[in-house]
Amino acid sequence: MRSPLPAPAREDQRAHDEQRGTRNRVARSILDHGPSTAAELALRLELTSAAVRRHLDTLVAEGVVEAREKRVYGARGRGRPAKVFALTNCGRDAFDQAYDTLAQDALRWIAQSAGGGEMGEAAVAAFARARMAAQAESYRQALEAVAPQERAEALARALTADGYAATARSAPVGEQLCQHHCPVAHVAEQFPQLCEAETEVFSRLLGTHVQRLATIAHGDGVCTTFIPKKTTTASTSTAGRNPA
């Protein structure tokens, strides 16, 4: 029979578990809300800035998060850019439950079976569109239940239910749909048709041309899609493109 730990050892173990639990909360908050500053994490988690920085230092040392310069859209103000912390691929792996290798092998087989080259790429694109069709139907029902001005928020909620940790927020000339997590990011790195099909679906659902500004698959901290205020004829001519 295993002998119980002495009281000091139990206290040390309890403290260690609590610290690990808090670090997991920090990592999960970055997953749910995207790259964040230490101050934002402290406010969100109701922790002191000093405590958050200690946990971030540990997470950086473990390779779970990395520090990077905060991306600024539009004119940049004075002063040094804020430092944000984003999940690394290793950090995302702790939350991912997609069978990446299997999916990559399957898509590679589809491409090769179609003859490779442009024909193979077209076959993968057709698969990506078919995959999104079933999801699009449930999303369409969610969007039809709300007013037009609430559709971006409704789409964000539907995406969150599918594991994308999505949010919608106002932008100067429209809205931004942000997906802070992508269960198939590793697969989309090799097969961008997945991102393109998703963007095409967003355009059709929202009834307007949308522009993909950033994707996790391309190394960005969050997938960001711009939705203009003025509703125009849906177009997918640049759907899925990520600016260099």
C-alpha atoms as a PDB file:
ATOM      1  CA  MET A   1       0.000   0.000   0.000  1.00  0.00           C
ATOM      2  CA  ARG A   2       1.312   3.424  -0.951  1.00  0.00           C
ATOM      3  CA  SER A   3       2.145   5.537   2.094  1.00  0.00           C
ATOM      4  CA  PRO A   4       0.547   8.993   2.228  1.00  0.00           C
ATOM      5  CA  LEU A   5       2.662  12.043   1.576  1.00  0.00           C
ATOM      6  CA  PRO A   6       3.708  14.028   4.628  1.00  0.00           C
ATOM      7  CA  ALA A   7       1.825  17.278   5.205  1.00  0.00           C
ATOM      8  CA  PRO A   8       4.532  19.599   3.763  1.00  0.00           C
ATOM      9  CA  ALA A   9       4.750  17.480   0.605  1.00  0.00           C
ATOM     10  CA  ARG A  10       0.974  17.505   0.221  1.00  0.00           C
ATOM     11  CA  GLU A  11       0.947  21.285   0.525  1.00  0.00           C
ATOM     12  CA  ASP A  12       3.709  21.583  -2.066  1.00  0.00           C
ATOM     13  CA  GLN A  13       1.785  19.291  -4.435  1.00  0.00           C
ATOM     14  CA  ARG A  14      -1.407  21.264  -3.906  1.00  0.00           C
ATOM     15  CA  ALA A  15       0.402  24.539  -4.631  1.00  0.00           C
ATOM     16  CA  HIS A  16       1.962  23.018  -7.749  1.00  0.00           C
ATOM     17  CA  ASP A  17      -1.445  21.841  -8.992  1.00  0.00           C
ATOM     18  CA  GLU A  18      -2.947  25.265  -8.383  1.00  0.00           C
ATOM     19  CA  GLN A  19      -0.134  26.958 -10.305  1.00  0.00           C
ATOM     20  CA  ARG A  20      -0.541  24.524 -13.191  1.00  0.00           C
ATOM     21  CA  GLY A  21      -4.303  25.095 -13.189  1.00  0.00           C
ATOM     22  CA  THR A  22      -3.836  28.862 -13.380  1.00  0.00           C
ATOM     23  CA  ARG A  23      -1.335  28.508 -16.244  1.00  0.00           C
ATOM     24  CA  ASN A  24      -3.889  26.396 -18.087  1.00  0.00           C
ATOM     25  CA  ARG A  25      -6.441  29.189 -17.573  1.00  0.00           C
ATOM     26  CA  VAL A  26      -3.981  31.698 -19.029  1.00  0.00           C
ATOM     27  CA  ALA A  27      -3.373  29.502 -22.088  1.00  0.00           C
ATOM     28  CA  ARG A  28      -7.095  28.858 -22.519  1.00  0.00           C
ATOM     29  CA  SER A  29      -7.831  32.593 -22.339  1.00  0.00           C
ATOM     30  CA  ILE A  30      -5.327  33.217 -25.143  1.00  0.00           C
ATOM     31  CA  LEU A  31      -6.993  30.446 -27.153  1.00  0.00           C
ATOM     32  CA  ASP A  32     -10.482  31.891 -26.652  1.00  0.00           C
ATOM     33  CA  HIS A  33      -9.598  35.563 -27.152  1.00  0.00           C
ATOM     34  CA  GLY A  34      -6.560  35.494 -29.408  1.00  0.00           C
ATOM     35  CA  PRO A  35      -3.124  37.068 -28.819  1.00  0.00           C
ATOM     36  CA  SER A  36      -3.333  39.096 -25.607  1.00  0.00           C
ATOM     37  CA  THR A  37      -1.210  41.463 -23.553  1.00  0.00           C
ATOM     38  CA  ALA A  38      -0.336  40.639 -19.960  1.00  0.00           C
ATOM     39  CA  ALA A  39      -2.608  43.469 -18.815  1.00  0.00           C
ATOM     40  CA  GLU A  40      -5.552  42.092 -20.796  1.00  0.00           C
ATOM     41  CA  LEU A  41      -5.029  38.624 -19.327  1.00  0.00           C
ATOM     42  CA  ALA A  42      -4.785  40.010 -15.803  1.00  0.00           C
ATOM     43  CA  LEU A  43      -8.070  41.890 -16.212  1.00  0.00           C
ATOM     44  CA  ARG A  44      -9.818  38.960 -17.883  1.00  0.00           C
ATOM     45  CA  LEU A  45      -8.715  36.390 -15.294  1.00  0.00           C
ATOM     46  CA  GLU A  46      -8.842  38.735 -12.267  1.00  0.00           C
ATOM     47  CA  LEU A  47      -5.181  38.164 -11.465  1.00  0.00           C
ATOM     48  CA  THR A  48      -2.385  40.583 -10.706  1.00  0.00           C
ATOM     49  CA  SER A  49      -0.137  41.621 -13.587  1.00  0.00           C
ATOM     50  CA  ALA A  50       2.856  40.214 -11.726  1.00  0.00           C
ATOM     51  CA  ALA A  51       1.192  36.812 -11.362  1.00  0.00           C
ATOM     52  CA  VAL A  52       0.216  36.724 -15.041  1.00  0.00           C
ATOM     53  CA  ARG A  53       3.753  37.597 -16.107  1.00  0.00           C
ATOM     54  CA  ARG A  54       5.177  34.775 -13.978  1.00  0.00           C
ATOM     55  CA  HIS A  55       2.817  32.293 -15.625  1.00  0.00           C
ATOM     56  CA  LEU A  56       3.588  33.693 -19.072  1.00  0.00           C
ATOM     57  CA  ASP A  57       7.323  33.321 -18.434  1.00  0.00           C
ATOM     58  CA  THR A  58       6.758  29.653 -17.600  1.00  0.00           C
ATOM     59  CA  LEU A  59       4.511  29.083 -20.615  1.00  0.00           C
ATOM     60  CA  VAL A  60       7.109  30.724 -22.880  1.00  0.00           C
ATOM     61  CA  ALA A  61       9.836  28.509 -21.398  1.00  0.00           C
ATOM     62  CA  GLU A  62       7.646  25.443 -22.024  1.00  0.00           C
ATOM     63  CA  GLY A  63       7.058  26.484 -25.623  1.00  0.00           C
ATOM     64  CA  VAL A  64       3.311  26.846 -25.134  1.00  0.00           C
ATOM     65  CA  VAL A  65       3.123  30.589 -25.906  1.00  0.00           C
ATOM     66  CA  GLU A  66       5.390  33.101 -27.621  1.00  0.00           C
ATOM     67  CA  ALA A  67       5.720  36.862 -27.377  1.00  0.00           C
ATOM     68  CA  ARG A  68       5.223  38.905 -30.523  1.00  0.00           C
ATOM     69  CA  GLU A  69       4.615  42.485 -31.589  1.00  0.00           C
ATOM     70  CA  LYS A  70       0.944  43.402 -31.602  1.00  0.00           C
ATOM     71  CA  ARG A  71      -0.392  43.782 -35.124  1.00  0.00           C
ATOM     72  CA  VAL A  72      -1.944  47.184 -35.760  1.00  0.00           C
ATOM     73  CA  TYR A  73      -4.388  47.771 -38.608  1.00  0.00           C
ATOM     74  CA  GLY A  74      -4.384  51.299 -39.985  1.00  0.00           C
ATOM     75  CA  ALA A  75      -2.307  54.192 -38.689  1.00  0.00           C
ATOM     76  CA  ARG A  76       0.049  53.317 -35.850  1.00  0.00           C
ATOM     77  CA  GLY A  77       0.186  55.633 -32.860  1.00  0.00           C
ATOM     78  CA  ARG A  78       3.273  56.863 -31.073  1.00  0.00           C
ATOM     79  CA  GLY A  79       5.298  54.774 -28.701  1.00  0.00           C
ATOM     80  CA  ARG A  80       6.484  51.186 -28.769  1.00  0.00           C
ATOM     81  CA  PRO A  81       3.977  48.585 -30.015  1.00  0.00           C
ATOM     82  CA  ALA A  82       2.419  46.509 -27.253  1.00  0.00           C
ATOM     83  CA  LYS A  83       3.757  43.001 -26.738  1.00  0.00           C
ATOM     84  CA  VAL A  84       1.160  40.260 -27.019  1.00  0.00           C
ATOM     85  CA  PHE A  85       1.355  36.582 -26.199  1.00  0.00           C
ATOM     86  CA  ALA A  86       0.057  34.000 -28.677  1.00  0.00           C
ATOM     87  CA  LEU A  87      -0.178  30.218 -28.619  1.00  0.00           C
ATOM     88  CA  THR A  88       2.517  28.315 -30.478  1.00  0.00           C
ATOM     89  CA  ASN A  89       1.715  25.259 -32.594  1.00  0.00           C
ATOM     90  CA  CYS A  90       2.757  23.174 -29.589  1.00  0.00           C
ATOM     91  CA  GLY A  91       0.337  25.124 -27.409  1.00  0.00           C
ATOM     92  CA  ARG A  92      -2.502  24.632 -29.883  1.00  0.00           C
ATOM     93  CA  ASP A  93      -1.785  20.907 -30.010  1.00  0.00           C
ATOM     94  CA  ALA A  94      -2.868  20.665 -26.368  1.00  0.00           C
ATOM     95  CA  PHE A  95      -6.359  21.763 -27.438  1.00  0.00           C
ATOM     96  CA  ASP A  96      -6.556  20.226 -30.900  1.00  0.00           C
ATOM     97  CA  GLN A  97      -8.408  16.940 -31.222  1.00  0.00           C
ATOM     98  CA  ALA A  98      -8.441  16.706 -35.031  1.00  0.00           C
ATOM     99  CA  TYR A  99      -6.743  13.751 -36.643  1.00  0.00           C
ATOM    100  CA  ASP A 100      -4.334  15.879 -38.658  1.00  0.00           C
ATOM    101  CA  THR A 101      -2.222  13.117 -40.145  1.00  0.00           C
ATOM    102  CA  LEU A 102      -5.227  11.129 -41.287  1.00  0.00           C
ATOM    103  CA  ALA A 103      -6.818  14.213 -42.855  1.00  0.00           C
ATOM    104  CA  GLN A 104      -3.616  15.179 -44.652  1.00  0.00           C
ATOM    105  CA  ASP A 105      -3.185  11.671 -46.016  1.00  0.00           C
ATOM    106  CA  ALA A 106      -6.796  11.581 -47.201  1.00  0.00           C
ATOM    107  CA  LEU A 107      -6.559  14.930 -49.003  1.00  0.00           C
ATOM    108  CA  ARG A 108      -3.226  13.981 -50.533  1.00  0.00           C
ATOM    109  CA  TRP A 109      -4.817  10.765 -51.826  1.00  0.00           C
ATOM    110  CA  ILE A 110      -7.726  12.741 -53.304  1.00  0.00           C
ATOM    111  CA  ALA A 111      -5.298  15.054 -55.106  1.00  0.00           C
ATOM    112  CA  GLN A 112      -3.191  12.211 -56.462  1.00  0.00           C
ATOM    113  CA  SER A 113      -6.223  10.154 -57.528  1.00  0.00           C
ATOM    114  CA  ALA A 114      -7.492  13.124 -59.548  1.00  0.00           C
ATOM    115  CA  GLY A 115      -4.232  13.220 -61.478  1.00  0.00           C
ATOM    116  CA  GLY A 116      -2.238  15.704 -59.442  1.00  0.00           C
ATOM    117  CA  GLY A 117      -1.430  19.246 -60.518  1.00  0.00           C
ATOM    118  CA  GLU A 118      -4.340  21.583 -61.202  1.00  0.00           C
ATOM    119  CA  MET A 119      -6.770  18.679 -61.432  1.00  0.00           C
ATOM    120  CA  GLY A 120      -5.687  17.475 -58.005  1.00  0.00           C
ATOM    121  CA  GLU A 121      -6.057  20.940 -56.519  1.00  0.00           C
ATOM    122  CA  ALA A 122      -9.530  21.233 -58.030  1.00  0.00           C
ATOM    123  CA  ALA A 123     -10.522  17.892 -56.519  1.00  0.00           C
ATOM    124  CA  VAL A 124      -9.379  19.004 -53.064  1.00  0.00           C
ATOM    125  CA  ALA A 125     -11.282  22.278 -53.508  1.00  0.00           C
ATOM    126  CA  ALA A 126     -14.431  20.334 -54.419  1.00  0.00           C
ATOM    127  CA  PHE A 127     -14.029  18.238 -51.282  1.00  0.00           C
ATOM    128  CA  ALA A 128     -13.529  21.369 -49.154  1.00  0.00           C
ATOM    129  CA  ARG A 129     -16.727  22.925 -50.532  1.00  0.00           C
ATOM    130  CA  ALA A 130     -18.689  19.726 -49.931  1.00  0.00           C
ATOM    131  CA  ARG A 131     -17.347  19.549 -46.373  1.00  0.00           C
ATOM    132  CA  MET A 132     -18.475  23.108 -45.694  1.00  0.00           C
ATOM    133  CA  ALA A 133     -21.928  22.553 -47.219  1.00  0.00           C
ATOM    134  CA  ALA A 134     -23.274  20.635 -44.201  1.00  0.00           C
ATOM    135  CA  GLN A 135     -21.888  23.217 -41.763  1.00  0.00           C
ATOM    136  CA  ALA A 136     -23.243  26.045 -43.899  1.00  0.00           C
ATOM    137  CA  GLU A 137     -26.774  24.720 -43.573  1.00  0.00           C
ATOM    138  CA  SER A 138     -26.739  24.884 -39.767  1.00  0.00           C
ATOM    139  CA  TYR A 139     -25.083  28.305 -39.902  1.00  0.00           C
ATOM    140  CA  ARG A 140     -27.723  29.554 -42.347  1.00  0.00           C
ATOM    141  CA  GLN A 141     -30.493  28.593 -39.934  1.00  0.00           C
ATOM    142  CA  ALA A 142     -28.770  30.528 -37.144  1.00  0.00           C
ATOM    143  CA  LEU A 143     -28.376  33.635 -39.317  1.00  0.00           C
ATOM    144  CA  GLU A 144     -31.939  33.571 -40.635  1.00  0.00           C
ATOM    145  CA  ALA A 145     -33.221  33.714 -37.053  1.00  0.00           C
ATOM    146  CA  VAL A 146     -31.711  37.168 -36.399  1.00  0.00           C
ATOM    147  CA  ALA A 147     -31.815  40.637 -37.946  1.00  0.00           C
ATOM    148  CA  PRO A 148     -29.278  41.389 -40.744  1.00  0.00           C
ATOM    149  CA  GLN A 149     -27.165  43.611 -38.491  1.00  0.00           C
ATOM    150  CA  GLU A 150     -26.815  40.748 -36.000  1.00  0.00           C
ATOM    151  CA  ARG A 151     -25.691  38.102 -38.476  1.00  0.00           C
ATOM    152  CA  ALA A 152     -21.952  38.437 -37.882  1.00  0.00           C
ATOM    153  CA  GLU A 153     -22.485  37.873 -34.163  1.00  0.00           C
ATOM    154  CA  ALA A 154     -24.795  34.919 -34.886  1.00  0.00           C
ATOM    155  CA  LEU A 155     -22.179  33.396 -37.178  1.00  0.00           C
ATOM    156  CA  ALA A 156     -19.535  33.834 -34.476  1.00  0.00           C
ATOM    157  CA  ARG A 157     -21.726  31.953 -31.991  1.00  0.00           C
ATOM    158  CA  ALA A 158     -22.314  29.144 -34.487  1.00  0.00           C
ATOM    159  CA  LEU A 159     -18.596  28.856 -35.200  1.00  0.00           C
ATOM    160  CA  THR A 160     -17.820  28.812 -31.487  1.00  0.00           C
ATOM    161  CA  ALA A 161     -20.192  25.879 -31.067  1.00  0.00           C
ATOM    162  CA  ASP A 162     -18.075  24.059 -33.668  1.00  0.00           C
ATOM    163  CA  GLY A 163     -14.851  24.721 -31.758  1.00  0.00           C
ATOM    164  CA  TYR A 164     -13.551  27.856 -33.495  1.00  0.00           C
ATOM    165  CA  ALA A 165     -13.740  30.190 -30.453  1.00  0.00           C
ATOM    166  CA  ALA A 166     -15.082  32.986 -32.666  1.00  0.00           C
ATOM    167  CA  THR A 167     -16.027  36.579 -31.900  1.00  0.00           C
ATOM    168  CA  ALA A 168     -17.425  39.488 -33.928  1.00  0.00           C
ATOM    169  CA  ARG A 169     -16.435  43.071 -33.294  1.00  0.00           C
ATOM    170  CA  SER A 170     -16.989  46.459 -34.884  1.00  0.00           C
ATOM    171  CA  ALA A 171     -14.393  47.912 -37.250  1.00  0.00           C
ATOM    172  CA  PRO A 172     -14.163  51.467 -38.695  1.00  0.00           C
ATOM    173  CA  VAL A 173     -15.944  50.557 -41.940  1.00  0.00           C
ATOM    174  CA  GLY A 174     -17.546  47.262 -41.085  1.00  0.00           C
ATOM    175  CA  GLU A 175     -17.047  44.285 -38.792  1.00  0.00           C
ATOM    176  CA  GLN A 176     -14.322  41.751 -38.120  1.00  0.00           C
ATOM    177  CA  LEU A 177     -15.087  38.086 -37.584  1.00  0.00           C
ATOM    178  CA  CYS A 178     -12.261  36.566 -35.544  1.00  0.00           C
ATOM    179  CA  GLN A 179     -11.680  32.834 -35.105  1.00  0.00           C
ATOM    180  CA  HIS A 180      -9.212  32.365 -32.268  1.00  0.00           C
ATOM    181  CA  HIS A 181      -8.904  28.638 -32.779  1.00  0.00           C
ATOM    182  CA  CYS A 182      -8.862  26.368 -35.825  1.00  0.00           C
ATOM    183  CA  PRO A 183      -9.155  22.602 -35.263  1.00  0.00           C
ATOM    184  CA  VAL A 184      -7.773  21.927 -38.762  1.00  0.00           C
ATOM    185  CA  ALA A 185      -5.024  24.577 -38.879  1.00  0.00           C
ATOM    186  CA  HIS A 186      -2.220  22.070 -39.502  1.00  0.00           C
ATOM    187  CA  VAL A 187      -4.095  20.527 -42.425  1.00  0.00           C
ATOM    188  CA  ALA A 188      -4.973  23.944 -43.865  1.00  0.00           C
ATOM    189  CA  GLU A 189      -1.259  24.825 -43.940  1.00  0.00           C
ATOM    190  CA  GLN A 190      -0.858  22.272 -46.732  1.00  0.00           C
ATOM    191  CA  PHE A 191      -4.325  22.593 -48.233  1.00  0.00           C
ATOM    192  CA  PRO A 192      -5.435  26.265 -48.337  1.00  0.00           C
ATOM    193  CA  GLN A 193      -8.576  25.152 -50.182  1.00  0.00           C
ATOM    194  CA  LEU A 194     -10.093  24.568 -46.729  1.00  0.00           C
ATOM    195  CA  CYS A 195      -9.716  28.260 -45.861  1.00  0.00           C
ATOM    196  CA  GLU A 196     -10.940  29.334 -49.291  1.00  0.00           C
ATOM    197  CA  ALA A 197     -14.096  27.214 -49.057  1.00  0.00           C
ATOM    198  CA  GLU A 198     -14.816  28.559 -45.584  1.00  0.00           C
ATOM    199  CA  THR A 199     -14.465  32.160 -46.759  1.00  0.00           C
ATOM    200  CA  GLU A 200     -16.763  31.506 -49.722  1.00  0.00           C
ATOM    201  CA  VAL A 201     -19.401  30.175 -47.318  1.00  0.00           C
ATOM    202  CA  PHE A 202     -19.088  33.265 -45.103  1.00  0.00           C
ATOM    203  CA  SER A 203     -19.642  35.460 -48.161  1.00  0.00           C
ATOM    204  CA  ARG A 204     -22.781  33.597 -49.210  1.00  0.00           C
ATOM    205  CA  LEU A 205     -24.216  33.445 -45.695  1.00  0.00           C
ATOM    206  CA  LEU A 206     -23.683  37.146 -45.040  1.00  0.00           C
ATOM    207  CA  GLY A 207     -24.777  38.226 -48.504  1.00  0.00           C
ATOM    208  CA  THR A 208     -21.713  40.358 -49.150  1.00  0.00           C
ATOM    209  CA  HIS A 209     -18.144  40.145 -50.340  1.00  0.00           C
ATOM    210  CA  VAL A 210     -15.811  39.402 -47.414  1.00  0.00           C
ATOM    211  CA  GLN A 211     -12.030  39.578 -47.203  1.00  0.00           C
ATOM    212  CA  ARG A 212      -9.800  37.237 -45.254  1.00  0.00           C
ATOM    213  CA  LEU A 213      -7.132  39.382 -43.596  1.00  0.00           C
ATOM    214  CA  ALA A 214      -5.257  36.704 -41.680  1.00  0.00           C
ATOM    215  CA  THR A 215      -5.322  32.984 -40.962  1.00  0.00           C
ATOM    216  CA  ILE A 216      -3.861  30.757 -38.277  1.00  0.00           C
ATOM    217  CA  ALA A 217      -2.785  28.373 -41.039  1.00  0.00           C
ATOM    218  CA  HIS A 218      -0.497  31.116 -42.420  1.00  0.00           C
ATOM    219  CA  GLY A 219       1.084  31.729 -39.012  1.00  0.00           C
ATOM    220  CA  ASP A 220      -1.164  34.526 -37.766  1.00  0.00           C
ATOM    221  CA  GLY A 221      -2.463  34.468 -34.208  1.00  0.00           C
ATOM    222  CA  VAL A 222      -6.111  34.503 -35.276  1.00  0.00           C
ATOM    223  CA  CYS A 223      -8.202  34.014 -38.423  1.00  0.00           C
ATOM    224  CA  THR A 224      -9.636  37.438 -39.244  1.00  0.00           C
ATOM    225  CA  THR A 225     -12.338  38.085 -41.841  1.00  0.00           C
ATOM    226  CA  PHE A 226     -13.424  41.616 -42.728  1.00  0.00           C
ATOM    227  CA  ILE A 227     -17.139  42.193 -43.363  1.00  0.00           C
ATOM    228  CA  PRO A 228     -17.942  45.613 -44.921  1.00  0.00           C
ATOM    229  CA  LYS A 229     -20.842  47.668 -43.577  1.00  0.00           C
ATOM    230  CA  LYS A 230     -22.490  48.196 -46.918  1.00  0.00           C
ATOM    231  CA  THR A 231     -24.100  45.039 -48.278  1.00  0.00           C
ATOM    232  CA  THR A 232     -22.980  44.364 -51.823  1.00  0.00           C
ATOM    233  CA  THR A 233     -23.351  41.533 -54.251  1.00  0.00           C
ATOM    234  CA  ALA A 234     -21.626  38.482 -52.849  1.00  0.00           C
ATOM    235  CA  SER A 235     -18.277  37.844 -54.504  1.00  0.00           C
ATOM    236  CA  THR A 236     -15.661  35.226 -53.899  1.00  0.00           C
ATOM    237  CA  SER A 237     -13.001  36.476 -56.295  1.00  0.00           C
ATOM    238  CA  THR A 238     -10.533  36.957 -53.446  1.00  0.00           C
ATOM    239  CA  ALA A 239     -12.090  34.544 -50.965  1.00  0.00           C
ATOM    240  CA  GLY A 240      -9.541  32.847 -48.787  1.00  0.00           C
ATOM    241  CA  ARG A 241      -6.596  34.982 -49.860  1.00  0.00           C
ATOM    242  CA  ASN A 242      -4.245  36.021 -47.133  1.00  0.00           C
ATOM    243  CA  PRO A 243      -2.246  39.186 -47.860  1.00  0.00           C
ATOM    244  CA  ALA A 244       1.483  38.689 -47.938  1.00  0.00           C
END
